[in-house]
């Protein structure tokens, strides 16, 4: 096996598949870069326009959550090679991820509930 020839490092790939893979990685890098720059730009713009005074904070939170989901999709698809796997294997990988998201949401809501009860009872 000659590692100087790129396609021989991955014996099951043809030269064309290897070049397509390189194009796919670069496409993903550009998409991730664009989404990240947009996220930062939106956050800075929101901070300059609205500031600490409030506003519709849920809108920027929703935008950041959607941008994060887009980035997770491309990272898992390209760099974790899930894009080319079978459907049930992808579900096996994504199911624990969805449970993690559910747990984060549940703990945030539970914490907010405890905070509201604490303020209501004025116990602390």
C-alpha atoms as a PDB file:
ATOM      1  CA  UNK A   1       0.000   0.000   0.000  1.00  0.00           C
ATOM      2  CA  UNK A   2       1.449   3.341  -1.074  1.00  0.00           C
ATOM      3  CA  UNK A   3       0.238   6.248   1.053  1.00  0.00           C
ATOM      4  CA  UNK A   4       1.717   8.744  -1.387  1.00  0.00           C
ATOM      5  CA  UNK A   5      -1.171   7.939  -3.730  1.00  0.00           C
ATOM      6  CA  UNK A   6      -4.281   9.283  -1.900  1.00  0.00           C
ATOM      7  CA  UNK A   7      -6.712   6.644  -3.111  1.00  0.00           C
ATOM      8  CA  UNK A   8      -4.519   3.794  -1.819  1.00  0.00           C
ATOM      9  CA  UNK A   9      -4.916   4.992   1.767  1.00  0.00           C
ATOM     10  CA  UNK A  10      -8.567   3.972   1.435  1.00  0.00           C
ATOM     11  CA  UNK A  11      -8.403   0.748  -0.519  1.00  0.00           C
ATOM     12  CA  UNK A  12     -12.139   0.460  -1.028  1.00  0.00           C
ATOM     13  CA  UNK A  13     -12.393   3.882  -2.728  1.00  0.00           C
ATOM     14  CA  UNK A  14     -11.814   4.624  -6.364  1.00  0.00           C
ATOM     15  CA  UNK A  15      -9.978   7.785  -7.362  1.00  0.00           C
ATOM     16  CA  UNK A  16     -13.314   9.399  -8.271  1.00  0.00           C
ATOM     17  CA  UNK A  17     -14.874   8.537  -4.893  1.00  0.00           C
ATOM     18  CA  UNK A  18     -11.827   9.976  -3.142  1.00  0.00           C
ATOM     19  CA  UNK A  19     -12.093  13.252  -5.083  1.00  0.00           C
ATOM     20  CA  UNK A  20     -15.832  13.426  -4.345  1.00  0.00           C
ATOM     21  CA  UNK A  21     -15.075  12.938  -0.669  1.00  0.00           C
ATOM     22  CA  UNK A  22     -12.580  15.802  -0.712  1.00  0.00           C
ATOM     23  CA  UNK A  23     -15.169  18.037  -2.414  1.00  0.00           C
ATOM     24  CA  UNK A  24     -17.747  17.026   0.200  1.00  0.00           C
ATOM     25  CA  UNK A  25     -15.388  17.913   3.056  1.00  0.00           C
ATOM     26  CA  UNK A  26     -14.627  21.320   1.563  1.00  0.00           C
ATOM     27  CA  UNK A  27     -18.324  21.974   0.971  1.00  0.00           C
ATOM     28  CA  UNK A  28     -19.015  21.111   4.596  1.00  0.00           C
ATOM     29  CA  UNK A  29     -16.206  23.360   5.814  1.00  0.00           C
ATOM     30  CA  UNK A  30     -17.603  26.277   3.821  1.00  0.00           C
ATOM     31  CA  UNK A  31     -21.142  25.675   5.086  1.00  0.00           C
ATOM     32  CA  UNK A  32     -19.947  25.436   8.696  1.00  0.00           C
ATOM     33  CA  UNK A  33     -17.885  28.605   8.251  1.00  0.00           C
ATOM     34  CA  UNK A  34     -20.824  30.499   6.770  1.00  0.00           C
ATOM     35  CA  UNK A  35     -23.224  29.378   9.516  1.00  0.00           C
ATOM     36  CA  UNK A  36     -20.709  30.256  12.240  1.00  0.00           C
ATOM     37  CA  UNK A  37     -20.008  33.699  10.756  1.00  0.00           C
ATOM     38  CA  UNK A  38     -23.760  34.296  10.463  1.00  0.00           C
ATOM     39  CA  UNK A  39     -24.247  33.236  14.096  1.00  0.00           C
ATOM     40  CA  UNK A  40     -21.552  35.595  15.323  1.00  0.00           C
ATOM     41  CA  UNK A  41     -22.838  38.420  13.125  1.00  0.00           C
ATOM     42  CA  UNK A  42     -26.396  37.986  14.354  1.00  0.00           C
ATOM     43  CA  UNK A  43     -25.248  37.883  17.986  1.00  0.00           C
ATOM     44  CA  UNK A  44     -23.131  41.030  17.604  1.00  0.00           C
ATOM     45  CA  UNK A  45     -25.904  42.781  15.669  1.00  0.00           C
ATOM     46  CA  UNK A  46     -28.463  41.860  18.307  1.00  0.00           C
ATOM     47  CA  UNK A  47     -26.156  43.088  21.064  1.00  0.00           C
ATOM     48  CA  UNK A  48     -25.572  46.415  19.271  1.00  0.00           C
ATOM     49  CA  UNK A  49     -29.213  46.998  18.326  1.00  0.00           C
ATOM     50  CA  UNK A  50     -31.037  45.700  21.387  1.00  0.00           C
ATOM     51  CA  UNK A  51     -28.322  45.633  24.031  1.00  0.00           C
ATOM     52  CA  UNK A  52     -29.015  44.504  27.554  1.00  0.00           C
ATOM     53  CA  UNK A  53     -32.454  46.083  27.571  1.00  0.00           C
ATOM     54  CA  UNK A  54     -34.232  42.902  26.566  1.00  0.00           C
ATOM     55  CA  UNK A  55     -36.287  42.597  23.441  1.00  0.00           C
ATOM     56  CA  UNK A  56     -37.330  39.340  21.891  1.00  0.00           C
ATOM     57  CA  UNK A  57     -34.507  37.248  23.363  1.00  0.00           C
ATOM     58  CA  UNK A  58     -36.283  34.037  22.349  1.00  0.00           C
ATOM     59  CA  UNK A  59     -35.809  34.943  18.664  1.00  0.00           C
ATOM     60  CA  UNK A  60     -32.022  35.002  18.893  1.00  0.00           C
ATOM     61  CA  UNK A  61     -32.084  31.849  21.030  1.00  0.00           C
ATOM     62  CA  UNK A  62     -34.149  30.105  18.343  1.00  0.00           C
ATOM     63  CA  UNK A  63     -31.773  31.270  15.607  1.00  0.00           C
ATOM     64  CA  UNK A  64     -28.765  29.984  17.574  1.00  0.00           C
ATOM     65  CA  UNK A  65     -30.477  26.642  18.231  1.00  0.00           C
ATOM     66  CA  UNK A  66     -31.329  26.185  14.541  1.00  0.00           C
ATOM     67  CA  UNK A  67     -27.779  27.120  13.512  1.00  0.00           C
ATOM     68  CA  UNK A  68     -26.409  24.590  16.015  1.00  0.00           C
ATOM     69  CA  UNK A  69     -28.658  21.862  14.623  1.00  0.00           C
ATOM     70  CA  UNK A  70     -27.470  22.671  11.088  1.00  0.00           C
ATOM     71  CA  UNK A  71     -23.848  22.413  12.213  1.00  0.00           C
ATOM     72  CA  UNK A  72     -24.465  19.129  14.056  1.00  0.00           C
ATOM     73  CA  UNK A  73     -26.109  17.685  10.931  1.00  0.00           C
ATOM     74  CA  UNK A  74     -23.149  18.518   8.711  1.00  0.00           C
ATOM     75  CA  UNK A  75     -20.480  17.540  11.256  1.00  0.00           C
ATOM     76  CA  UNK A  76     -22.088  14.170  11.982  1.00  0.00           C
ATOM     77  CA  UNK A  77     -22.854  13.533   8.326  1.00  0.00           C
ATOM     78  CA  UNK A  78     -19.447  14.380   6.906  1.00  0.00           C
ATOM     79  CA  UNK A  79     -16.822  14.043   9.616  1.00  0.00           C
ATOM     80  CA  UNK A  80     -18.427  11.137  11.479  1.00  0.00           C
ATOM     81  CA  UNK A  81     -19.270   9.506   8.116  1.00  0.00           C
ATOM     82  CA  UNK A  82     -22.948   8.983   8.958  1.00  0.00           C
ATOM     83  CA  UNK A  83     -24.118  10.305   5.598  1.00  0.00           C
ATOM     84  CA  UNK A  84     -23.170   7.048   3.880  1.00  0.00           C
ATOM     85  CA  UNK A  85     -24.414   4.633   6.546  1.00  0.00           C
ATOM     86  CA  UNK A  86     -27.588   2.587   6.653  1.00  0.00           C
ATOM     87  CA  UNK A  87     -30.767   4.187   7.993  1.00  0.00           C
ATOM     88  CA  UNK A  88     -31.010   2.130  11.190  1.00  0.00           C
ATOM     89  CA  UNK A  89     -27.404   2.781  12.148  1.00  0.00           C
ATOM     90  CA  UNK A  90     -28.012   6.524  11.778  1.00  0.00           C
ATOM     91  CA  UNK A  91     -31.087   6.204  14.001  1.00  0.00           C
ATOM     92  CA  UNK A  92     -29.007   4.259  16.543  1.00  0.00           C
ATOM     93  CA  UNK A  93     -26.512   7.124  16.691  1.00  0.00           C
ATOM     94  CA  UNK A  94     -29.066   9.949  16.689  1.00  0.00           C
ATOM     95  CA  UNK A  95     -31.462   8.472  19.282  1.00  0.00           C
ATOM     96  CA  UNK A  96     -29.103   9.005  22.256  1.00  0.00           C
ATOM     97  CA  UNK A  97     -28.388  12.499  20.934  1.00  0.00           C
ATOM     98  CA  UNK A  98     -32.121  13.273  20.924  1.00  0.00           C
ATOM     99  CA  UNK A  99     -32.441  11.909  24.459  1.00  0.00           C
ATOM    100  CA  UNK A 100     -29.613  14.222  25.502  1.00  0.00           C
ATOM    101  CA  UNK A 101     -31.447  17.213  24.015  1.00  0.00           C
ATOM    102  CA  UNK A 102     -34.643  16.090  25.754  1.00  0.00           C
ATOM    103  CA  UNK A 103     -32.773  15.787  29.078  1.00  0.00           C
ATOM    104  CA  UNK A 104     -31.322  19.290  28.752  1.00  0.00           C
ATOM    105  CA  UNK A 105     -34.761  20.755  28.050  1.00  0.00           C
ATOM    106  CA  UNK A 106     -36.312  18.776  30.921  1.00  0.00           C
ATOM    107  CA  UNK A 107     -33.644  19.885  33.408  1.00  0.00           C
ATOM    108  CA  UNK A 108     -33.955  23.525  32.352  1.00  0.00           C
ATOM    109  CA  UNK A 109     -37.729  23.428  32.796  1.00  0.00           C
ATOM    110  CA  UNK A 110     -37.397  21.622  36.137  1.00  0.00           C
ATOM    111  CA  UNK A 111     -34.847  24.164  37.347  1.00  0.00           C
ATOM    112  CA  UNK A 112     -37.119  27.015  36.302  1.00  0.00           C
ATOM    113  CA  UNK A 113     -39.981  25.373  38.191  1.00  0.00           C
ATOM    114  CA  UNK A 114     -37.871  25.067  41.348  1.00  0.00           C
ATOM    115  CA  UNK A 115     -36.791  28.688  41.005  1.00  0.00           C
ATOM    116  CA  UNK A 116     -40.410  29.831  40.654  1.00  0.00           C
ATOM    117  CA  UNK A 117     -41.495  27.777  43.691  1.00  0.00           C
ATOM    118  CA  UNK A 118     -38.571  29.137  45.719  1.00  0.00           C
ATOM    119  CA  UNK A 119     -39.548  32.703  44.911  1.00  0.00           C
ATOM    120  CA  UNK A 120     -43.211  31.964  45.589  1.00  0.00           C
ATOM    121  CA  UNK A 121     -42.534  30.432  48.993  1.00  0.00           C
ATOM    122  CA  UNK A 122     -39.744  32.883  49.808  1.00  0.00           C
ATOM    123  CA  UNK A 123     -38.129  30.023  51.690  1.00  0.00           C
ATOM    124  CA  UNK A 124     -34.507  30.935  51.055  1.00  0.00           C
END
